[in-house]
Each structure stands twice: as C-alpha cells, then as structure tokens.
Amino acid sequence: MAVIGDFTVPAESFALDTALADAPDMIVRADRLASHSTEDVLPFLWASKGDFETFREALRNDSTVESATVAAERNESVLYKLKWNQSFIDLIDEMINQHAAIVEADARNGNWRLKLRFTKEGQVTLFQKHFADKGITFEVNRLYRPDAPRQREYDLTPEQRDTLVTALDEGYFEVPRDISIEELADEFGLSANAISQRIRRGSANLIRNTLTITANRERDEE
C-alpha cells in the first residue's frame, strides 16, 4: 500500500545550497507535481520573501543549476524555469531507482522539505539506508497513507493546505502580522472573505485531526 514520507534534507545534499545560503530569507516552492521522470522533476520554482537580485545572481553560481530564467512574476514572487546540472539529475534518478516519487518540494533556511511517495512502507527504510551510506540524510518528519481518511493531509483540501502554508510562510500568523488577509487574498486572486474561510476551515480540520485525536487516544489508554 502506498505511503507518503515527509522528509527534511539539507540543501547541501540536495540542491540550491549556494543560492539559499546567499539569500537566506528566500522561500522556494516547486510547482505541485508527482513524476517518475527526471525530465519533468522541478522544472519550475516559485521564489518569494528574499532578496531577488542576490538570489538571481546566486543561481548563476550554484553548482546544481545549469541555467535559470524568469518565467513569470506575481505579487512579489518570481517563477524561475530551471535547467538542472547533471549531478542533480543523477541524484533524482537515483531517488527514483529507490522507488521514490517527488510529490512536493520546498526550501528555506538551508533545508528542503520533500514529500516522497513510495508504493510500499518498507521501501522508506531502504531508501534512507541507501542514501545514508552515501552520506545523505533524509530525515523523516512523518509518514502517512494518502488513502487513510484521518491521515490524508489531516483532512485538508489541497486549497486549504496551500493557503495555510502560504499564510505561515508570509507571516500571517506572526505577532504583529507581516501580511494582511487582504494582501494574502491578492496572492491567490480571491476575496479576503474566501481566504479567511479557508484558513478557519483548514485550522479546524488540523485541530480536529491532531489535538482531538491525541486527546481521545490518551483517554482511551487511561
């Protein structure tokens, strides 16, 4: 049965180590995808929050990048089309050979968060061991089955998840807030009311499927 692994891996072991180090405030997020082909993995990356001039220059000097061009600009975010160096392509090919398919990828503060799909849970341990032997640590944050109702993104819809993650990245939950609900809504091209509803409903689903589940489990064990 398929399983999704949420991993953290240092940029120096994966990609964009130089670019992320030179522009430490930059947040990078790949377009959502799931592919078993190295030709289609991470061709586009959204960058936001950081110093774009520094990041653009750093991309030119990054050993994992063959070339980078601006494909689009939107609300203080830039979409880059990347051609990866062969070393990174080889790494992705090796991950695929270890039965991992990239579902999501984003990076900040020198680390990548990857969601990888495996057809069997046992493949996760073999995947980790294979790369640990090569000096690359894929740290598991959590595992879940995409077809399990309680574990499928904590019952979040893709839209709710994207909104909550973007709100977190943009500082909506900071005190004081770094971005208003209206500015956040502009990023999605929606009304402030629609984004507010997504955040409330997504937050309710997170609480319902994390805190209340834990509390119920603890009561059952007493």
C-alpha atoms as a PDB file:
ATOM      1  CA  MET A   1       0.000   0.000   0.000  1.00  0.00           C
ATOM      2  CA  ALA A   2       1.336   3.425  -0.953  1.00  0.00           C
ATOM      3  CA  VAL A   3       2.825   5.675   1.703  1.00  0.00           C
ATOM      4  CA  ILE A   4       3.897   9.341   1.676  1.00  0.00           C
ATOM      5  CA  GLY A   5       7.045  10.356   3.522  1.00  0.00           C
ATOM      6  CA  ASP A   6       7.572  13.938   4.672  1.00  0.00           C
ATOM      7  CA  PHE A   7      11.367  14.421   4.713  1.00  0.00           C
ATOM      8  CA  THR A   8      13.888  17.126   5.561  1.00  0.00           C
ATOM      9  CA  VAL A   9      17.215  17.125   3.705  1.00  0.00           C
ATOM     10  CA  PRO A  10      19.959  19.792   3.832  1.00  0.00           C
ATOM     11  CA  ALA A  11      20.311  21.897   0.690  1.00  0.00           C
ATOM     12  CA  GLU A  12      23.999  20.984   0.518  1.00  0.00           C
ATOM     13  CA  SER A  13      22.930  17.367  -0.003  1.00  0.00           C
ATOM     14  CA  PHE A  14      20.133  18.137  -2.443  1.00  0.00           C
ATOM     15  CA  ALA A  15      20.034  21.397  -4.429  1.00  0.00           C
ATOM     16  CA  LEU A  16      20.499  25.189  -4.377  1.00  0.00           C
ATOM     17  CA  ASP A  17      22.926  25.208  -1.446  1.00  0.00           C
ATOM     18  CA  THR A  18      24.718  28.333  -2.722  1.00  0.00           C
ATOM     19  CA  ALA A  19      21.547  30.152  -3.771  1.00  0.00           C
ATOM     20  CA  LEU A  20      19.770  29.531  -0.463  1.00  0.00           C
ATOM     21  CA  ALA A  21      22.883  30.408   1.563  1.00  0.00           C
ATOM     22  CA  ASP A  22      23.409  33.711  -0.280  1.00  0.00           C
ATOM     23  CA  ALA A  23      19.717  34.660   0.021  1.00  0.00           C
ATOM     24  CA  PRO A  24      18.789  33.138   3.407  1.00  0.00           C
ATOM     25  CA  ASP A  25      15.368  34.783   3.618  1.00  0.00           C
ATOM     26  CA  MET A  26      14.252  33.332   0.294  1.00  0.00           C
ATOM     27  CA  ILE A  27      11.443  30.781   0.297  1.00  0.00           C
ATOM     28  CA  VAL A  28      11.431  28.398  -2.654  1.00  0.00           C
ATOM     29  CA  ARG A  29       8.491  26.220  -3.617  1.00  0.00           C
ATOM     30  CA  ALA A  30       8.162  23.860  -6.554  1.00  0.00           C
ATOM     31  CA  ASP A  31       5.002  23.615  -8.593  1.00  0.00           C
ATOM     32  CA  ARG A  32       2.957  20.683  -7.292  1.00  0.00           C
ATOM     33  CA  LEU A  33       3.889  17.535  -9.180  1.00  0.00           C
ATOM     34  CA  ALA A  34       4.369  13.788  -8.971  1.00  0.00           C
ATOM     35  CA  SER A  35       6.737  12.311 -11.519  1.00  0.00           C
ATOM     36  CA  HIS A  36       8.877   9.254 -12.090  1.00  0.00           C
ATOM     37  CA  SER A  37      10.811  11.010 -14.864  1.00  0.00           C
ATOM     38  CA  THR A  38      13.908  13.108 -14.311  1.00  0.00           C
ATOM     39  CA  GLU A  39      12.916  15.193 -17.333  1.00  0.00           C
ATOM     40  CA  ASP A  40       9.841  16.514 -15.523  1.00  0.00           C
ATOM     41  CA  VAL A  41      11.122  16.971 -11.954  1.00  0.00           C
ATOM     42  CA  LEU A  42      11.184  20.521 -10.560  1.00  0.00           C
ATOM     43  CA  PRO A  43      11.312  22.437 -13.849  1.00  0.00           C
ATOM     44  CA  PHE A  44       9.691  25.487 -12.240  1.00  0.00           C
ATOM     45  CA  LEU A  45      10.316  27.012  -8.812  1.00  0.00           C
ATOM     46  CA  TRP A  46       8.495  29.908  -7.143  1.00  0.00           C
ATOM     47  CA  ALA A  47      10.724  32.183  -5.032  1.00  0.00           C
ATOM     48  CA  SER A  48       9.432  34.740  -2.544  1.00  0.00           C
ATOM     49  CA  LYS A  49      10.275  36.861   0.504  1.00  0.00           C
ATOM     50  CA  GLY A  50      14.037  37.186  -0.082  1.00  0.00           C
ATOM     51  CA  ASP A  51      16.482  39.381  -1.985  1.00  0.00           C
ATOM     52  CA  PHE A  52      15.693  38.626  -5.624  1.00  0.00           C
ATOM     53  CA  GLU A  53      18.791  40.269  -7.085  1.00  0.00           C
ATOM     54  CA  THR A  54      21.085  38.327  -4.767  1.00  0.00           C
ATOM     55  CA  PHE A  55      19.159  35.116  -5.377  1.00  0.00           C
ATOM     56  CA  ARG A  56      19.232  35.540  -9.152  1.00  0.00           C
ATOM     57  CA  GLU A  57      22.996  36.057  -9.113  1.00  0.00           C
ATOM     58  CA  ALA A  58      23.439  33.141  -6.719  1.00  0.00           C
ATOM     59  CA  LEU A  59      21.509  30.871  -9.080  1.00  0.00           C
ATOM     60  CA  ARG A  60      24.144  31.582 -11.738  1.00  0.00           C
ATOM     61  CA  ASN A  61      26.866  30.441  -9.336  1.00  0.00           C
ATOM     62  CA  ASP A  62      25.024  27.436  -7.919  1.00  0.00           C
ATOM     63  CA  SER A  63      26.644  24.147  -8.883  1.00  0.00           C
ATOM     64  CA  THR A  64      23.298  22.359  -9.201  1.00  0.00           C
ATOM     65  CA  VAL A  65      21.894  24.824 -11.752  1.00  0.00           C
ATOM     66  CA  GLU A  66      22.809  24.831 -15.426  1.00  0.00           C
ATOM     67  CA  SER A  67      20.631  27.833 -16.259  1.00  0.00           C
ATOM     68  CA  ALA A  68      17.760  29.810 -14.744  1.00  0.00           C
ATOM     69  CA  THR A  69      15.340  32.164 -16.468  1.00  0.00           C
ATOM     70  CA  VAL A  70      12.412  34.190 -15.146  1.00  0.00           C
ATOM     71  CA  ALA A  71       9.175  32.693 -16.408  1.00  0.00           C
ATOM     72  CA  ALA A  72       6.700  34.915 -14.533  1.00  0.00           C
ATOM     73  CA  GLU A  73       6.372  37.479 -11.758  1.00  0.00           C
ATOM     74  CA  ARG A  74       3.391  37.796  -9.441  1.00  0.00           C
ATOM     75  CA  ASN A  75       2.756  39.659  -6.193  1.00  0.00           C
ATOM     76  CA  GLU A  76       6.369  39.834  -5.067  1.00  0.00           C
ATOM     77  CA  SER A  77       7.028  36.254  -6.153  1.00  0.00           C
ATOM     78  CA  VAL A  78       9.126  35.138  -9.102  1.00  0.00           C
ATOM     79  CA  LEU A  79       8.726  31.911 -11.076  1.00  0.00           C
ATOM     80  CA  TYR A  80      12.025  30.516 -12.366  1.00  0.00           C
ATOM     81  CA  LYS A  81      12.432  27.945 -15.117  1.00  0.00           C
ATOM     82  CA  LEU A  82      15.480  25.858 -14.273  1.00  0.00           C
ATOM     83  CA  LYS A  83      17.751  23.566 -16.180  1.00  0.00           C
ATOM     84  CA  TRP A  84      19.488  21.402 -13.609  1.00  0.00           C
ATOM     85  CA  ASN A  85      23.095  20.294 -13.576  1.00  0.00           C
ATOM     86  CA  GLN A  86      23.715  16.649 -14.395  1.00  0.00           C
ATOM     87  CA  SER A  87      24.736  15.904 -10.797  1.00  0.00           C
ATOM     88  CA  PHE A  88      21.289  16.872  -9.537  1.00  0.00           C
ATOM     89  CA  ILE A  89      19.580  14.972 -12.341  1.00  0.00           C
ATOM     90  CA  ASP A  90      21.623  11.920 -11.368  1.00  0.00           C
ATOM     91  CA  LEU A  91      20.507  12.325  -7.741  1.00  0.00           C
ATOM     92  CA  ILE A  92      16.850  12.498  -8.757  1.00  0.00           C
ATOM     93  CA  ASP A  93      17.351   9.467 -10.996  1.00  0.00           C
ATOM     94  CA  GLU A  94      18.867   7.601  -8.051  1.00  0.00           C
ATOM     95  CA  MET A  95      15.912   8.550  -5.843  1.00  0.00           C
ATOM     96  CA  ILE A  96      13.550   7.224  -8.484  1.00  0.00           C
ATOM     97  CA  ASN A  97      15.551   3.993  -8.645  1.00  0.00           C
ATOM     98  CA  GLN A  98      14.963   3.721  -4.885  1.00  0.00           C
ATOM     99  CA  HIS A  99      11.203   3.848  -5.559  1.00  0.00           C
ATOM    100  CA  ALA A 100      10.635   7.465  -4.500  1.00  0.00           C
ATOM    101  CA  ALA A 101       8.455   9.865  -6.499  1.00  0.00           C
ATOM    102  CA  ILE A 102       8.549  13.567  -5.619  1.00  0.00           C
ATOM    103  CA  VAL A 103       5.093  14.884  -4.755  1.00  0.00           C
ATOM    104  CA  GLU A 104       6.030  18.256  -3.238  1.00  0.00           C
ATOM    105  CA  ALA A 105       9.237  20.189  -2.626  1.00  0.00           C
ATOM    106  CA  ASP A 106      10.007  23.478  -0.905  1.00  0.00           C
ATOM    107  CA  ALA A 107      13.060  25.027   0.713  1.00  0.00           C
ATOM    108  CA  ARG A 108      14.009  27.696   3.224  1.00  0.00           C
ATOM    109  CA  ASN A 109      16.780  28.319   5.755  1.00  0.00           C
ATOM    110  CA  GLY A 110      19.156  25.905   4.037  1.00  0.00           C
ATOM    111  CA  ASN A 111      16.824  22.899   4.139  1.00  0.00           C
ATOM    112  CA  TRP A 112      14.430  21.212   1.746  1.00  0.00           C
ATOM    113  CA  ARG A 113      11.122  19.680   2.786  1.00  0.00           C
ATOM    114  CA  LEU A 114      10.206  16.878   0.412  1.00  0.00           C
ATOM    115  CA  LYS A 115       7.120  14.751   0.167  1.00  0.00           C
ATOM    116  CA  LEU A 116       8.000  11.460  -1.463  1.00  0.00           C
ATOM    117  CA  ARG A 117       5.599   8.712  -2.488  1.00  0.00           C
ATOM    118  CA  PHE A 118       6.554   5.043  -2.109  1.00  0.00           C
ATOM    119  CA  THR A 119       4.492   2.066  -3.195  1.00  0.00           C
ATOM    120  CA  LYS A 120       5.345   0.143  -0.003  1.00  0.00           C
ATOM    121  CA  GLU A 121       6.192   1.324   3.501  1.00  0.00           C
ATOM    122  CA  GLY A 122       9.240  -0.954   3.669  1.00  0.00           C
ATOM    123  CA  GLN A 123      10.823   0.993   0.817  1.00  0.00           C
ATOM    124  CA  VAL A 124      11.194   4.044   3.060  1.00  0.00           C
ATOM    125  CA  THR A 125      13.762   2.370   5.317  1.00  0.00           C
ATOM    126  CA  LEU A 126      15.681   1.000   2.352  1.00  0.00           C
ATOM    127  CA  PHE A 127      15.632   4.460   0.741  1.00  0.00           C
ATOM    128  CA  GLN A 128      17.045   6.088   3.874  1.00  0.00           C
ATOM    129  CA  LYS A 129      19.729   3.437   4.312  1.00  0.00           C
ATOM    130  CA  HIS A 130      20.793   3.674   0.679  1.00  0.00           C
ATOM    131  CA  PHE A 131      21.426   7.399   0.910  1.00  0.00           C
ATOM    132  CA  ALA A 132      22.803   7.303   4.459  1.00  0.00           C
ATOM    133  CA  ASP A 133      25.533   5.004   3.117  1.00  0.00           C
ATOM    134  CA  LYS A 134      26.336   7.806   0.666  1.00  0.00           C
ATOM    135  CA  GLY A 135      26.402  10.447   3.404  1.00  0.00           C
ATOM    136  CA  ILE A 136      22.987  11.957   2.571  1.00  0.00           C
ATOM    137  CA  THR A 137      20.471  12.127   5.414  1.00  0.00           C
ATOM    138  CA  PHE A 138      16.782  12.144   4.553  1.00  0.00           C
ATOM    139  CA  GLU A 139      15.164  12.770   7.950  1.00  0.00           C
ATOM    140  CA  VAL A 140      11.579  11.560   8.234  1.00  0.00           C
ATOM    141  CA  ASN A 141       9.206  14.069   9.817  1.00  0.00           C
ATOM    142  CA  ARG A 142       6.207  11.797   9.406  1.00  0.00           C
ATOM    143  CA  LEU A 143       4.730   9.030   7.287  1.00  0.00           C
ATOM    144  CA  TYR A 144       1.098   8.734   6.244  1.00  0.00           C
ATOM    145  CA  ARG A 145      -1.041   6.801   3.835  1.00  0.00           C
ATOM    146  CA  PRO A 146      -2.777   9.027   1.273  1.00  0.00           C
ATOM    147  CA  ASP A 147      -5.841   6.766   1.260  1.00  0.00           C
ATOM    148  CA  ALA A 148      -6.310   6.826   5.034  1.00  0.00           C
ATOM    149  CA  PRO A 149      -9.106   9.331   5.865  1.00  0.00           C
ATOM    150  CA  ARG A 150      -7.536  10.640   9.080  1.00  0.00           C
ATOM    151  CA  GLN A 151      -4.042  10.880   7.658  1.00  0.00           C
ATOM    152  CA  ARG A 152      -4.706  12.381   4.252  1.00  0.00           C
ATOM    153  CA  GLU A 153      -3.167  15.769   4.972  1.00  0.00           C
ATOM    154  CA  TYR A 154      -5.195  15.853   8.211  1.00  0.00           C
ATOM    155  CA  ASP A 155      -8.339  16.018   6.070  1.00  0.00           C
ATOM    156  CA  LEU A 156      -7.183  19.260   4.455  1.00  0.00           C
ATOM    157  CA  THR A 157      -8.198  20.026   0.908  1.00  0.00           C
ATOM    158  CA  PRO A 158      -5.284  20.980  -1.387  1.00  0.00           C
ATOM    159  CA  GLU A 159      -6.598  24.569  -1.377  1.00  0.00           C
ATOM    160  CA  GLN A 160      -6.737  24.706   2.419  1.00  0.00           C
ATOM    161  CA  ARG A 161      -3.233  23.302   2.745  1.00  0.00           C
ATOM    162  CA  ASP A 162      -1.761  25.719   0.189  1.00  0.00           C
ATOM    163  CA  THR A 163      -3.473  28.658   1.899  1.00  0.00           C
ATOM    164  CA  LEU A 164      -2.302  27.688   5.399  1.00  0.00           C
ATOM    165  CA  VAL A 165       1.285  27.043   4.262  1.00  0.00           C
ATOM    166  CA  THR A 166       1.416  30.314   2.330  1.00  0.00           C
ATOM    167  CA  ALA A 167      -0.085  32.184   5.294  1.00  0.00           C
ATOM    168  CA  LEU A 168       2.607  30.714   7.549  1.00  0.00           C
ATOM    169  CA  ASP A 169       5.427  31.484   5.106  1.00  0.00           C
ATOM    170  CA  GLU A 170       4.218  35.042   4.546  1.00  0.00           C
ATOM    171  CA  GLY A 171       3.974  35.786   8.274  1.00  0.00           C
ATOM    172  CA  TYR A 172       0.193  35.914   8.633  1.00  0.00           C
ATOM    173  CA  PHE A 173       0.403  34.084  11.977  1.00  0.00           C
ATOM    174  CA  GLU A 174       3.181  36.312  13.355  1.00  0.00           C
ATOM    175  CA  VAL A 175       2.518  38.909  16.074  1.00  0.00           C
ATOM    176  CA  PRO A 176       2.236  41.509  14.666  1.00  0.00           C
ATOM    177  CA  ARG A 177       1.301  40.094  11.262  1.00  0.00           C
ATOM    178  CA  ASP A 178       3.686  40.554   8.349  1.00  0.00           C
ATOM    179  CA  ILE A 179       0.844  40.327   5.832  1.00  0.00           C
ATOM    180  CA  SER A 180      -2.828  41.252   5.999  1.00  0.00           C
ATOM    181  CA  ILE A 181      -5.709  38.990   4.989  1.00  0.00           C
ATOM    182  CA  GLU A 182      -6.320  41.302   2.012  1.00  0.00           C
ATOM    183  CA  GLU A 183      -2.706  41.002   0.824  1.00  0.00           C
ATOM    184  CA  LEU A 184      -2.836  37.237   1.279  1.00  0.00           C
ATOM    185  CA  ALA A 185      -6.048  37.105  -0.718  1.00  0.00           C
ATOM    186  CA  ASP A 186      -4.398  39.053  -3.549  1.00  0.00           C
ATOM    187  CA  GLU A 187      -1.751  36.324  -3.858  1.00  0.00           C
ATOM    188  CA  PHE A 188      -4.487  33.784  -4.594  1.00  0.00           C
ATOM    189  CA  GLY A 189      -6.635  36.103  -6.664  1.00  0.00           C
ATOM    190  CA  LEU A 190      -9.547  35.615  -4.273  1.00  0.00           C
ATOM    191  CA  SER A 191     -11.567  37.742  -1.883  1.00  0.00           C
ATOM    192  CA  ALA A 192     -10.435  38.300   1.692  1.00  0.00           C
ATOM    193  CA  ASN A 193     -13.595  36.530   2.878  1.00  0.00           C
ATOM    194  CA  ALA A 194     -12.815  33.410   0.811  1.00  0.00           C
ATOM    195  CA  ILE A 195      -9.250  33.216   2.153  1.00  0.00           C
ATOM    196  CA  SER A 196     -10.467  33.817   5.703  1.00  0.00           C
ATOM    197  CA  GLN A 197     -12.904  30.911   5.359  1.00  0.00           C
ATOM    198  CA  ARG A 198     -10.165  28.631   4.028  1.00  0.00           C
ATOM    199  CA  ILE A 199      -7.925  29.462   6.978  1.00  0.00           C
ATOM    200  CA  ARG A 200     -10.723  28.904   9.520  1.00  0.00           C
ATOM    201  CA  ARG A 201     -11.889  25.628   7.987  1.00  0.00           C
ATOM    202  CA  GLY A 202      -8.340  24.372   7.425  1.00  0.00           C
ATOM    203  CA  SER A 203      -7.370  25.245  11.003  1.00  0.00           C
ATOM    204  CA  ALA A 204     -10.478  23.450  12.308  1.00  0.00           C
ATOM    205  CA  ASN A 205      -9.558  20.324  10.326  1.00  0.00           C
ATOM    206  CA  LEU A 206      -5.995  20.418  11.662  1.00  0.00           C
ATOM    207  CA  ILE A 207      -7.197  20.705  15.261  1.00  0.00           C
ATOM    208  CA  ARG A 208      -9.881  18.060  14.788  1.00  0.00           C
ATOM    209  CA  ASN A 209      -7.429  15.549  13.313  1.00  0.00           C
ATOM    210  CA  THR A 210      -4.438  16.233  15.555  1.00  0.00           C
ATOM    211  CA  LEU A 211      -5.212  17.629  19.001  1.00  0.00           C
ATOM    212  CA  THR A 212      -8.604  15.992  19.472  1.00  0.00           C
ATOM    213  CA  ILE A 213      -7.375  12.653  18.132  1.00  0.00           C
ATOM    214  CA  THR A 214      -4.465  12.746  20.580  1.00  0.00           C
ATOM    215  CA  ALA A 215      -6.751  13.661  23.463  1.00  0.00           C
ATOM    216  CA  ASN A 216      -9.191  10.868  22.626  1.00  0.00           C
ATOM    217  CA  ARG A 217      -6.353   8.362  22.335  1.00  0.00           C
ATOM    218  CA  GLU A 218      -4.941   9.391  25.710  1.00  0.00           C
ATOM    219  CA  ARG A 219      -8.380   8.993  27.331  1.00  0.00           C
ATOM    220  CA  ASP A 220      -8.790   5.561  25.769  1.00  0.00           C
ATOM    221  CA  GLU A 221      -5.427   4.480  27.206  1.00  0.00           C
ATOM    222  CA  GLU A 222      -6.282   5.576  30.756  1.00  0.00           C
END
